[in-house]
């Protein structure tokens, strides 16, 4: 029996997790899968053929410790995605690399710590009346704020505390996220698997299920596929899994994130996607033997 490990976190009871749908297709190929919290420091990963990072959805709170865990795994087993790719993806400043490669991304002002005057200038720079500010290392919409000029003033003290000493990013609030939704395309080892539309609940802008968002499978448009592929081509390494998130902004589909560390892959919305993932794992393994 061959062994794989899925890297997770201690407690997932408040999250929607669909990785159990991978267990049966992996078992058919003779694989036993263990789900292991990354917080367990004494785990010996050398007995596993590979460690696939799946649901460590608190890593942004413990960046230094999480990176140390990934490096330890990389020394003992095969890490997927690769350590170098995840390190590139850990900080959202990778969007600068995409922009340099002419990939359409959202306009962004990058800050080190809270700077009220710089954020105020961003309203004029982006010609908008609402902004979003969030940390450069973030997940699950944690510490993500939607700001009007008035709210920036009224919450300045809170924001200053939240972003003290933290790299952060300021972007225009994209109204299409509430009007049309956010699109995610899922790629496994170089091939498109499936695509979904994520829409926030009424009165919110966060599309995650944990925040009340709704999901549905879609057939992606050619323009989505073209811009997603451009983003994938701009990455520094290839991948086992990648999620490309897009929003409609300024008359085109813009890349808002490349998720290469711990994206939910929503296997529940495409019944063939678990088998596609397992097939991709074997394809990736053979290509990197």
C-alpha atoms as a PDB file:
ATOM      1  CA  UNK A   1       0.000   0.000   0.000  1.00  0.00           C
ATOM      2  CA  UNK A   2       1.420   3.380  -1.032  1.00  0.00           C
ATOM      3  CA  UNK A   3       0.907   6.314   1.292  1.00  0.00           C
ATOM      4  CA  UNK A   4       0.002   9.952   0.729  1.00  0.00           C
ATOM      5  CA  UNK A   5      -0.542  12.746   3.223  1.00  0.00           C
ATOM      6  CA  UNK A   6      -2.956  15.647   2.930  1.00  0.00           C
ATOM      7  CA  UNK A   7      -1.716  18.638   4.912  1.00  0.00           C
ATOM      8  CA  UNK A   8      -4.512  20.240   6.902  1.00  0.00           C
ATOM      9  CA  UNK A   9      -5.102  22.145  10.153  1.00  0.00           C
ATOM     10  CA  UNK A  10      -6.235  21.155  13.635  1.00  0.00           C
ATOM     11  CA  UNK A  11      -9.922  22.003  13.407  1.00  0.00           C
ATOM     12  CA  UNK A  12     -11.959  22.212  10.189  1.00  0.00           C
ATOM     13  CA  UNK A  13     -15.436  22.148  11.727  1.00  0.00           C
ATOM     14  CA  UNK A  14     -16.177  25.728  10.604  1.00  0.00           C
ATOM     15  CA  UNK A  15     -15.111  25.073   7.007  1.00  0.00           C
ATOM     16  CA  UNK A  16     -16.485  23.283   3.971  1.00  0.00           C
ATOM     17  CA  UNK A  17     -14.013  20.552   2.979  1.00  0.00           C
ATOM     18  CA  UNK A  18     -14.387  18.259  -0.032  1.00  0.00           C
ATOM     19  CA  UNK A  19     -11.047  16.440  -0.123  1.00  0.00           C
ATOM     20  CA  UNK A  20     -12.635  13.213   1.148  1.00  0.00           C
ATOM     21  CA  UNK A  21     -13.940  12.806  -2.403  1.00  0.00           C
ATOM     22  CA  UNK A  22     -10.351  12.023  -3.425  1.00  0.00           C
ATOM     23  CA  UNK A  23     -10.009   9.056  -1.090  1.00  0.00           C
ATOM     24  CA  UNK A  24     -11.899   6.493  -3.193  1.00  0.00           C
ATOM     25  CA  UNK A  25     -10.103   7.166  -6.517  1.00  0.00           C
ATOM     26  CA  UNK A  26      -6.748   7.169  -4.745  1.00  0.00           C
ATOM     27  CA  UNK A  27      -7.643   3.906  -2.965  1.00  0.00           C
ATOM     28  CA  UNK A  28      -8.471   2.273  -6.303  1.00  0.00           C
ATOM     29  CA  UNK A  29      -4.849   2.881  -7.271  1.00  0.00           C
ATOM     30  CA  UNK A  30      -3.547   1.396  -4.029  1.00  0.00           C
ATOM     31  CA  UNK A  31      -3.029   4.592  -2.037  1.00  0.00           C
ATOM     32  CA  UNK A  32      -3.744   5.089   1.642  1.00  0.00           C
ATOM     33  CA  UNK A  33      -4.256   8.770   2.511  1.00  0.00           C
ATOM     34  CA  UNK A  34      -3.626  10.307   5.942  1.00  0.00           C
ATOM     35  CA  UNK A  35      -4.827  13.810   6.781  1.00  0.00           C
ATOM     36  CA  UNK A  36      -2.269  15.508   9.027  1.00  0.00           C
ATOM     37  CA  UNK A  37      -2.398  18.879  10.757  1.00  0.00           C
ATOM     38  CA  UNK A  38       0.583  21.025   9.900  1.00  0.00           C
ATOM     39  CA  UNK A  39       0.710  22.044  13.574  1.00  0.00           C
ATOM     40  CA  UNK A  40       2.056  18.597  14.553  1.00  0.00           C
ATOM     41  CA  UNK A  41       5.827  19.168  14.762  1.00  0.00           C
ATOM     42  CA  UNK A  42       6.995  15.596  15.281  1.00  0.00           C
ATOM     43  CA  UNK A  43       5.502  13.973  12.176  1.00  0.00           C
ATOM     44  CA  UNK A  44       7.952  11.981  10.053  1.00  0.00           C
ATOM     45  CA  UNK A  45       6.881  12.562   6.456  1.00  0.00           C
ATOM     46  CA  UNK A  46       9.515  10.300   4.937  1.00  0.00           C
ATOM     47  CA  UNK A  47       7.117   7.337   4.761  1.00  0.00           C
ATOM     48  CA  UNK A  48       4.824   9.235   2.370  1.00  0.00           C
ATOM     49  CA  UNK A  49       5.254   9.203  -1.381  1.00  0.00           C
ATOM     50  CA  UNK A  50       4.085  12.824  -1.374  1.00  0.00           C
ATOM     51  CA  UNK A  51       2.503  15.428   0.852  1.00  0.00           C
ATOM     52  CA  UNK A  52      -0.265  17.379  -0.870  1.00  0.00           C
ATOM     53  CA  UNK A  53      -1.095  20.685   0.800  1.00  0.00           C
ATOM     54  CA  UNK A  54      -4.872  20.856   1.036  1.00  0.00           C
ATOM     55  CA  UNK A  55      -6.544  22.692   3.924  1.00  0.00           C
ATOM     56  CA  UNK A  56      -4.139  24.464   6.321  1.00  0.00           C
ATOM     57  CA  UNK A  57      -6.509  27.433   6.297  1.00  0.00           C
ATOM     58  CA  UNK A  58      -5.016  29.151   9.323  1.00  0.00           C
ATOM     59  CA  UNK A  59      -1.476  29.428   7.916  1.00  0.00           C
ATOM     60  CA  UNK A  60      -1.761  33.194   7.402  1.00  0.00           C
ATOM     61  CA  UNK A  61      -1.870  33.604  11.183  1.00  0.00           C
ATOM     62  CA  UNK A  62       1.426  31.719  11.623  1.00  0.00           C
ATOM     63  CA  UNK A  63       3.426  32.516   8.500  1.00  0.00           C
ATOM     64  CA  UNK A  64       6.900  31.823   9.923  1.00  0.00           C
ATOM     65  CA  UNK A  65       5.885  28.513  11.490  1.00  0.00           C
ATOM     66  CA  UNK A  66       4.037  27.408   8.359  1.00  0.00           C
ATOM     67  CA  UNK A  67       7.013  28.092   6.113  1.00  0.00           C
ATOM     68  CA  UNK A  68       9.220  26.126   8.504  1.00  0.00           C
ATOM     69  CA  UNK A  69       6.764  23.219   8.279  1.00  0.00           C
ATOM     70  CA  UNK A  70       6.826  23.284   4.468  1.00  0.00           C
ATOM     71  CA  UNK A  71      10.629  23.295   4.450  1.00  0.00           C
ATOM     72  CA  UNK A  72      10.727  20.339   6.858  1.00  0.00           C
ATOM     73  CA  UNK A  73       8.328  18.376   4.658  1.00  0.00           C
ATOM     74  CA  UNK A  74      10.355  19.251   1.573  1.00  0.00           C
ATOM     75  CA  UNK A  75      13.421  17.703   3.182  1.00  0.00           C
ATOM     76  CA  UNK A  76      11.588  14.478   4.042  1.00  0.00           C
ATOM     77  CA  UNK A  77       9.176  13.885   1.163  1.00  0.00           C
ATOM     78  CA  UNK A  78       7.862  15.248  -2.126  1.00  0.00           C
ATOM     79  CA  UNK A  79       5.886  18.424  -1.513  1.00  0.00           C
ATOM     80  CA  UNK A  80       3.015  19.382  -3.796  1.00  0.00           C
ATOM     81  CA  UNK A  81       2.883  22.025  -4.981  1.00  0.00           C
ATOM     82  CA  UNK A  82       6.619  22.572  -4.949  1.00  0.00           C
ATOM     83  CA  UNK A  83       8.171  24.575  -2.136  1.00  0.00           C
ATOM     84  CA  UNK A  84       9.508  27.181  -4.556  1.00  0.00           C
ATOM     85  CA  UNK A  85       6.097  27.704  -6.143  1.00  0.00           C
ATOM     86  CA  UNK A  86       4.329  28.031  -2.801  1.00  0.00           C
ATOM     87  CA  UNK A  87       6.939  30.461  -1.507  1.00  0.00           C
ATOM     88  CA  UNK A  88       6.379  32.605  -4.603  1.00  0.00           C
ATOM     89  CA  UNK A  89       2.615  32.432  -4.046  1.00  0.00           C
ATOM     90  CA  UNK A  90       2.649  33.044  -0.283  1.00  0.00           C
ATOM     91  CA  UNK A  91       2.789  36.833  -0.598  1.00  0.00           C
ATOM     92  CA  UNK A  92       0.322  38.440  -2.976  1.00  0.00           C
ATOM     93  CA  UNK A  93       3.041  40.625  -4.374  1.00  0.00           C
ATOM     94  CA  UNK A  94       3.413  37.844  -6.949  1.00  0.00           C
ATOM     95  CA  UNK A  95       0.740  39.871  -8.746  1.00  0.00           C
ATOM     96  CA  UNK A  96       3.546  42.270  -9.675  1.00  0.00           C
ATOM     97  CA  UNK A  97       5.163  39.442 -11.651  1.00  0.00           C
ATOM     98  CA  UNK A  98       1.915  38.760 -13.465  1.00  0.00           C
ATOM     99  CA  UNK A  99       1.490  42.421 -14.307  1.00  0.00           C
ATOM    100  CA  UNK A 100       5.083  42.575 -15.609  1.00  0.00           C
ATOM    101  CA  UNK A 101       4.184  39.658 -17.904  1.00  0.00           C
ATOM    102  CA  UNK A 102       1.198  41.638 -19.272  1.00  0.00           C
ATOM    103  CA  UNK A 103      -1.359  39.502 -17.460  1.00  0.00           C
ATOM    104  CA  UNK A 104      -4.483  41.593 -16.728  1.00  0.00           C
ATOM    105  CA  UNK A 105      -4.702  42.110 -12.952  1.00  0.00           C
ATOM    106  CA  UNK A 106      -6.470  44.632 -10.739  1.00  0.00           C
ATOM    107  CA  UNK A 107      -4.712  47.968 -10.163  1.00  0.00           C
ATOM    108  CA  UNK A 108      -3.057  47.821  -6.744  1.00  0.00           C
ATOM    109  CA  UNK A 109      -1.281  50.173  -4.372  1.00  0.00           C
ATOM    110  CA  UNK A 110       1.206  48.309  -2.184  1.00  0.00           C
ATOM    111  CA  UNK A 111       1.857  49.544   1.352  1.00  0.00           C
ATOM    112  CA  UNK A 112       4.012  48.562   4.296  1.00  0.00           C
ATOM    113  CA  UNK A 113       1.754  49.259   7.232  1.00  0.00           C
ATOM    114  CA  UNK A 114      -1.305  51.486   7.448  1.00  0.00           C
ATOM    115  CA  UNK A 115      -0.926  54.815   5.645  1.00  0.00           C
ATOM    116  CA  UNK A 116      -4.152  56.811   5.718  1.00  0.00           C
ATOM    117  CA  UNK A 117      -2.949  59.483   3.303  1.00  0.00           C
ATOM    118  CA  UNK A 118      -1.804  56.900   0.748  1.00  0.00           C
ATOM    119  CA  UNK A 119      -5.144  55.103   0.983  1.00  0.00           C
ATOM    120  CA  UNK A 120      -6.965  58.399   0.559  1.00  0.00           C
ATOM    121  CA  UNK A 121      -4.925  59.066  -2.585  1.00  0.00           C
ATOM    122  CA  UNK A 122      -5.949  55.659  -3.920  1.00  0.00           C
ATOM    123  CA  UNK A 123      -9.570  56.779  -4.240  1.00  0.00           C
ATOM    124  CA  UNK A 124      -8.442  59.359  -6.796  1.00  0.00           C
ATOM    125  CA  UNK A 125      -5.782  57.127  -8.358  1.00  0.00           C
ATOM    126  CA  UNK A 126      -8.314  54.375  -9.067  1.00  0.00           C
ATOM    127  CA  UNK A 127     -11.222  56.790  -9.746  1.00  0.00           C
ATOM    128  CA  UNK A 128     -13.496  54.929  -7.344  1.00  0.00           C
ATOM    129  CA  UNK A 129     -15.548  55.624  -4.251  1.00  0.00           C
ATOM    130  CA  UNK A 130     -14.828  52.313  -2.507  1.00  0.00           C
ATOM    131  CA  UNK A 131     -11.600  50.438  -1.846  1.00  0.00           C
ATOM    132  CA  UNK A 132     -10.574  47.093  -0.419  1.00  0.00           C
ATOM    133  CA  UNK A 133      -7.550  46.733   1.851  1.00  0.00           C
ATOM    134  CA  UNK A 134      -6.117  43.390   2.955  1.00  0.00           C
ATOM    135  CA  UNK A 135      -2.779  41.879   4.060  1.00  0.00           C
ATOM    136  CA  UNK A 136      -0.346  40.636   1.422  1.00  0.00           C
ATOM    137  CA  UNK A 137      -0.335  37.300   3.247  1.00  0.00           C
ATOM    138  CA  UNK A 138      -3.967  36.412   3.707  1.00  0.00           C
ATOM    139  CA  UNK A 139      -6.644  33.770   3.234  1.00  0.00           C
ATOM    140  CA  UNK A 140     -10.380  33.301   3.858  1.00  0.00           C
ATOM    141  CA  UNK A 141     -10.956  37.084   3.538  1.00  0.00           C
ATOM    142  CA  UNK A 142      -9.342  37.499   6.977  1.00  0.00           C
ATOM    143  CA  UNK A 143      -8.584  41.158   7.797  1.00  0.00           C
ATOM    144  CA  UNK A 144     -10.185  42.304   4.549  1.00  0.00           C
ATOM    145  CA  UNK A 145     -11.964  45.657   4.751  1.00  0.00           C
ATOM    146  CA  UNK A 146     -14.245  47.442   2.313  1.00  0.00           C
ATOM    147  CA  UNK A 147     -13.752  51.196   2.680  1.00  0.00           C
ATOM    148  CA  UNK A 148     -15.486  54.392   1.663  1.00  0.00           C
ATOM    149  CA  UNK A 149     -13.726  57.695   2.461  1.00  0.00           C
ATOM    150  CA  UNK A 150     -16.002  58.100   5.473  1.00  0.00           C
ATOM    151  CA  UNK A 151     -15.355  54.579   6.729  1.00  0.00           C
ATOM    152  CA  UNK A 152     -11.623  55.035   6.271  1.00  0.00           C
ATOM    153  CA  UNK A 153     -11.798  57.996   8.626  1.00  0.00           C
ATOM    154  CA  UNK A 154     -14.046  56.315  11.180  1.00  0.00           C
ATOM    155  CA  UNK A 155     -12.019  53.064  11.309  1.00  0.00           C
ATOM    156  CA  UNK A 156      -8.533  54.533  10.962  1.00  0.00           C
ATOM    157  CA  UNK A 157      -7.500  53.523  14.482  1.00  0.00           C
ATOM    158  CA  UNK A 158      -8.718  49.939  13.978  1.00  0.00           C
ATOM    159  CA  UNK A 159      -6.983  49.710  10.611  1.00  0.00           C
ATOM    160  CA  UNK A 160      -3.759  51.134  12.028  1.00  0.00           C
ATOM    161  CA  UNK A 161      -3.745  48.413  14.679  1.00  0.00           C
ATOM    162  CA  UNK A 162      -4.671  45.638  12.247  1.00  0.00           C
ATOM    163  CA  UNK A 163      -1.995  46.527   9.692  1.00  0.00           C
ATOM    164  CA  UNK A 164       0.771  47.676  12.023  1.00  0.00           C
ATOM    165  CA  UNK A 165       4.043  46.374  10.581  1.00  0.00           C
ATOM    166  CA  UNK A 166       2.219  44.304   7.941  1.00  0.00           C
ATOM    167  CA  UNK A 167       2.539  44.527   4.186  1.00  0.00           C
ATOM    168  CA  UNK A 168      -0.858  45.238   2.711  1.00  0.00           C
ATOM    169  CA  UNK A 169      -2.543  45.953  -0.586  1.00  0.00           C
ATOM    170  CA  UNK A 170      -5.199  48.450  -1.608  1.00  0.00           C
ATOM    171  CA  UNK A 171      -7.413  47.868  -4.648  1.00  0.00           C
ATOM    172  CA  UNK A 172     -10.581  49.391  -6.047  1.00  0.00           C
ATOM    173  CA  UNK A 173     -13.714  47.632  -4.888  1.00  0.00           C
ATOM    174  CA  UNK A 174     -15.003  45.809  -7.958  1.00  0.00           C
ATOM    175  CA  UNK A 175     -18.784  46.073  -8.091  1.00  0.00           C
ATOM    176  CA  UNK A 176     -19.059  43.092 -10.390  1.00  0.00           C
ATOM    177  CA  UNK A 177     -18.276  40.852  -7.420  1.00  0.00           C
ATOM    178  CA  UNK A 178     -21.758  41.609  -6.063  1.00  0.00           C
ATOM    179  CA  UNK A 179     -23.476  42.022  -9.439  1.00  0.00           C
ATOM    180  CA  UNK A 180     -21.944  39.087 -11.378  1.00  0.00           C
ATOM    181  CA  UNK A 181     -19.790  37.183  -8.923  1.00  0.00           C
ATOM    182  CA  UNK A 182     -16.260  35.799  -8.944  1.00  0.00           C
ATOM    183  CA  UNK A 183     -15.143  33.047 -11.307  1.00  0.00           C
ATOM    184  CA  UNK A 184     -12.688  30.278 -10.368  1.00  0.00           C
ATOM    185  CA  UNK A 185     -11.008  27.988 -12.893  1.00  0.00           C
ATOM    186  CA  UNK A 186      -9.337  24.797 -11.659  1.00  0.00           C
ATOM    187  CA  UNK A 187      -6.309  23.315 -13.407  1.00  0.00           C
ATOM    188  CA  UNK A 188      -4.675  19.987 -12.591  1.00  0.00           C
ATOM    189  CA  UNK A 189      -1.175  19.352 -13.961  1.00  0.00           C
ATOM    190  CA  UNK A 190      -1.608  21.601 -16.950  1.00  0.00           C
ATOM    191  CA  UNK A 191      -5.214  20.766 -17.856  1.00  0.00           C
ATOM    192  CA  UNK A 192      -8.454  22.572 -17.080  1.00  0.00           C
ATOM    193  CA  UNK A 193     -10.694  20.465 -14.851  1.00  0.00           C
ATOM    194  CA  UNK A 194     -13.761  22.594 -14.085  1.00  0.00           C
ATOM    195  CA  UNK A 195     -14.981  26.111 -13.379  1.00  0.00           C
ATOM    196  CA  UNK A 196     -17.407  27.700 -10.923  1.00  0.00           C
ATOM    197  CA  UNK A 197     -19.149  30.997 -10.242  1.00  0.00           C
ATOM    198  CA  UNK A 198     -19.084  32.228  -6.646  1.00  0.00           C
ATOM    199  CA  UNK A 199     -21.577  34.884  -5.526  1.00  0.00           C
ATOM    200  CA  UNK A 200     -21.793  36.586  -2.125  1.00  0.00           C
ATOM    201  CA  UNK A 201     -24.905  36.643  -0.021  1.00  0.00           C
ATOM    202  CA  UNK A 202     -27.032  39.783  -0.119  1.00  0.00           C
ATOM    203  CA  UNK A 203     -25.301  42.713   1.551  1.00  0.00           C
ATOM    204  CA  UNK A 204     -21.844  41.091   1.569  1.00  0.00           C
ATOM    205  CA  UNK A 205     -18.914  41.017  -0.837  1.00  0.00           C
ATOM    206  CA  UNK A 206     -17.116  37.881   0.392  1.00  0.00           C
ATOM    207  CA  UNK A 207     -17.814  34.912  -1.851  1.00  0.00           C
ATOM    208  CA  UNK A 208     -16.554  32.101   0.395  1.00  0.00           C
ATOM    209  CA  UNK A 209     -19.103  29.533   1.579  1.00  0.00           C
ATOM    210  CA  UNK A 210     -18.009  30.215   5.157  1.00  0.00           C
ATOM    211  CA  UNK A 211     -19.326  33.772   4.683  1.00  0.00           C
ATOM    212  CA  UNK A 212     -22.603  32.690   3.109  1.00  0.00           C
ATOM    213  CA  UNK A 213     -21.553  32.704  -0.547  1.00  0.00           C
ATOM    214  CA  UNK A 214     -23.264  30.481  -3.115  1.00  0.00           C
ATOM    215  CA  UNK A 215     -21.567  28.375  -5.792  1.00  0.00           C
ATOM    216  CA  UNK A 216     -22.494  26.904  -9.148  1.00  0.00           C
ATOM    217  CA  UNK A 217     -20.650  25.115 -11.919  1.00  0.00           C
ATOM    218  CA  UNK A 218     -20.207  27.065 -15.170  1.00  0.00           C
ATOM    219  CA  UNK A 219     -18.680  26.677 -18.606  1.00  0.00           C
ATOM    220  CA  UNK A 220     -15.892  29.278 -18.824  1.00  0.00           C
ATOM    221  CA  UNK A 221     -15.825  31.840 -21.608  1.00  0.00           C
ATOM    222  CA  UNK A 222     -12.874  31.952 -24.051  1.00  0.00           C
ATOM    223  CA  UNK A 223     -11.675  35.260 -22.572  1.00  0.00           C
ATOM    224  CA  UNK A 224     -11.573  33.717 -19.087  1.00  0.00           C
ATOM    225  CA  UNK A 225      -9.551  30.786 -20.380  1.00  0.00           C
ATOM    226  CA  UNK A 226      -7.121  33.004 -22.268  1.00  0.00           C
ATOM    227  CA  UNK A 227      -6.355  35.247 -19.310  1.00  0.00           C
ATOM    228  CA  UNK A 228      -6.144  32.324 -16.890  1.00  0.00           C
ATOM    229  CA  UNK A 229      -3.662  30.573 -19.173  1.00  0.00           C
ATOM    230  CA  UNK A 230      -1.597  33.754 -19.425  1.00  0.00           C
ATOM    231  CA  UNK A 231      -1.368  33.827 -15.632  1.00  0.00           C
ATOM    232  CA  UNK A 232      -0.376  30.166 -15.447  1.00  0.00           C
ATOM    233  CA  UNK A 233       2.280  30.733 -18.093  1.00  0.00           C
ATOM    234  CA  UNK A 234       3.781  33.534 -16.003  1.00  0.00           C
ATOM    235  CA  UNK A 235       4.367  31.304 -12.951  1.00  0.00           C
ATOM    236  CA  UNK A 236       7.975  30.355 -12.080  1.00  0.00           C
ATOM    237  CA  UNK A 237       7.277  26.602 -11.879  1.00  0.00           C
ATOM    238  CA  UNK A 238       4.667  24.092 -12.998  1.00  0.00           C
ATOM    239  CA  UNK A 239       2.029  22.735 -10.679  1.00  0.00           C
ATOM    240  CA  UNK A 240      -0.120  19.812  -9.608  1.00  0.00           C
ATOM    241  CA  UNK A 241      -3.073  22.077  -8.832  1.00  0.00           C
ATOM    242  CA  UNK A 242      -3.870  25.720  -9.466  1.00  0.00           C
ATOM    243  CA  UNK A 243      -6.978  27.806  -8.975  1.00  0.00           C
ATOM    244  CA  UNK A 244      -7.299  31.000 -10.979  1.00  0.00           C
ATOM    245  CA  UNK A 245      -9.765  33.570  -9.629  1.00  0.00           C
ATOM    246  CA  UNK A 246     -11.131  36.259 -11.932  1.00  0.00           C
ATOM    247  CA  UNK A 247     -13.414  39.310 -11.772  1.00  0.00           C
ATOM    248  CA  UNK A 248     -14.905  41.438 -14.545  1.00  0.00           C
ATOM    249  CA  UNK A 249     -13.280  44.881 -14.334  1.00  0.00           C
ATOM    250  CA  UNK A 250     -12.795  47.662 -16.900  1.00  0.00           C
ATOM    251  CA  UNK A 251     -14.283  45.586 -19.707  1.00  0.00           C
ATOM    252  CA  UNK A 252     -12.151  42.462 -19.270  1.00  0.00           C
ATOM    253  CA  UNK A 253     -11.630  39.479 -17.015  1.00  0.00           C
ATOM    254  CA  UNK A 254      -8.896  40.370 -14.531  1.00  0.00           C
ATOM    255  CA  UNK A 255      -6.870  37.899 -12.474  1.00  0.00           C
ATOM    256  CA  UNK A 256      -7.418  38.660  -8.813  1.00  0.00           C
ATOM    257  CA  UNK A 257      -5.546  35.671  -7.387  1.00  0.00           C
ATOM    258  CA  UNK A 258      -3.594  32.571  -8.273  1.00  0.00           C
ATOM    259  CA  UNK A 259      -4.240  30.020  -5.529  1.00  0.00           C
ATOM    260  CA  UNK A 260      -1.317  27.569  -5.419  1.00  0.00           C
ATOM    261  CA  UNK A 261      -0.977  26.698  -1.729  1.00  0.00           C
ATOM    262  CA  UNK A 262      -4.295  25.586  -0.188  1.00  0.00           C
ATOM    263  CA  UNK A 263      -7.193  26.410  -2.503  1.00  0.00           C
ATOM    264  CA  UNK A 264     -10.503  24.705  -2.022  1.00  0.00           C
ATOM    265  CA  UNK A 265     -10.930  22.793  -5.278  1.00  0.00           C
ATOM    266  CA  UNK A 266     -14.698  22.228  -4.963  1.00  0.00           C
ATOM    267  CA  UNK A 267     -14.692  18.602  -6.022  1.00  0.00           C
ATOM    268  CA  UNK A 268     -18.370  18.510  -5.017  1.00  0.00           C
ATOM    269  CA  UNK A 269     -19.398  20.646  -8.000  1.00  0.00           C
ATOM    270  CA  UNK A 270     -17.986  18.355 -10.708  1.00  0.00           C
ATOM    271  CA  UNK A 271     -18.336  14.613 -10.167  1.00  0.00           C
ATOM    272  CA  UNK A 272     -15.457  13.829 -12.537  1.00  0.00           C
ATOM    273  CA  UNK A 273     -13.026  16.259 -10.902  1.00  0.00           C
ATOM    274  CA  UNK A 274     -11.750  13.884  -8.163  1.00  0.00           C
ATOM    275  CA  UNK A 275     -10.713  11.331 -10.786  1.00  0.00           C
ATOM    276  CA  UNK A 276      -9.144  14.103 -12.883  1.00  0.00           C
ATOM    277  CA  UNK A 277      -7.102  15.168  -9.859  1.00  0.00           C
ATOM    278  CA  UNK A 278      -5.861  11.628  -9.211  1.00  0.00           C
ATOM    279  CA  UNK A 279      -4.973  11.190 -12.884  1.00  0.00           C
ATOM    280  CA  UNK A 280      -3.155  14.522 -12.782  1.00  0.00           C
ATOM    281  CA  UNK A 281      -1.226  13.412  -9.695  1.00  0.00           C
ATOM    282  CA  UNK A 282       0.105  10.381 -11.569  1.00  0.00           C
ATOM    283  CA  UNK A 283       0.884  12.515 -14.610  1.00  0.00           C
ATOM    284  CA  UNK A 284       2.722  15.062 -12.486  1.00  0.00           C
ATOM    285  CA  UNK A 285       4.588  12.355 -10.579  1.00  0.00           C
ATOM    286  CA  UNK A 286       5.808  10.733 -13.802  1.00  0.00           C
ATOM    287  CA  UNK A 287       6.878  14.078 -15.239  1.00  0.00           C
ATOM    288  CA  UNK A 288       8.958  14.812 -12.130  1.00  0.00           C
ATOM    289  CA  UNK A 289      10.346  11.368 -11.459  1.00  0.00           C
END
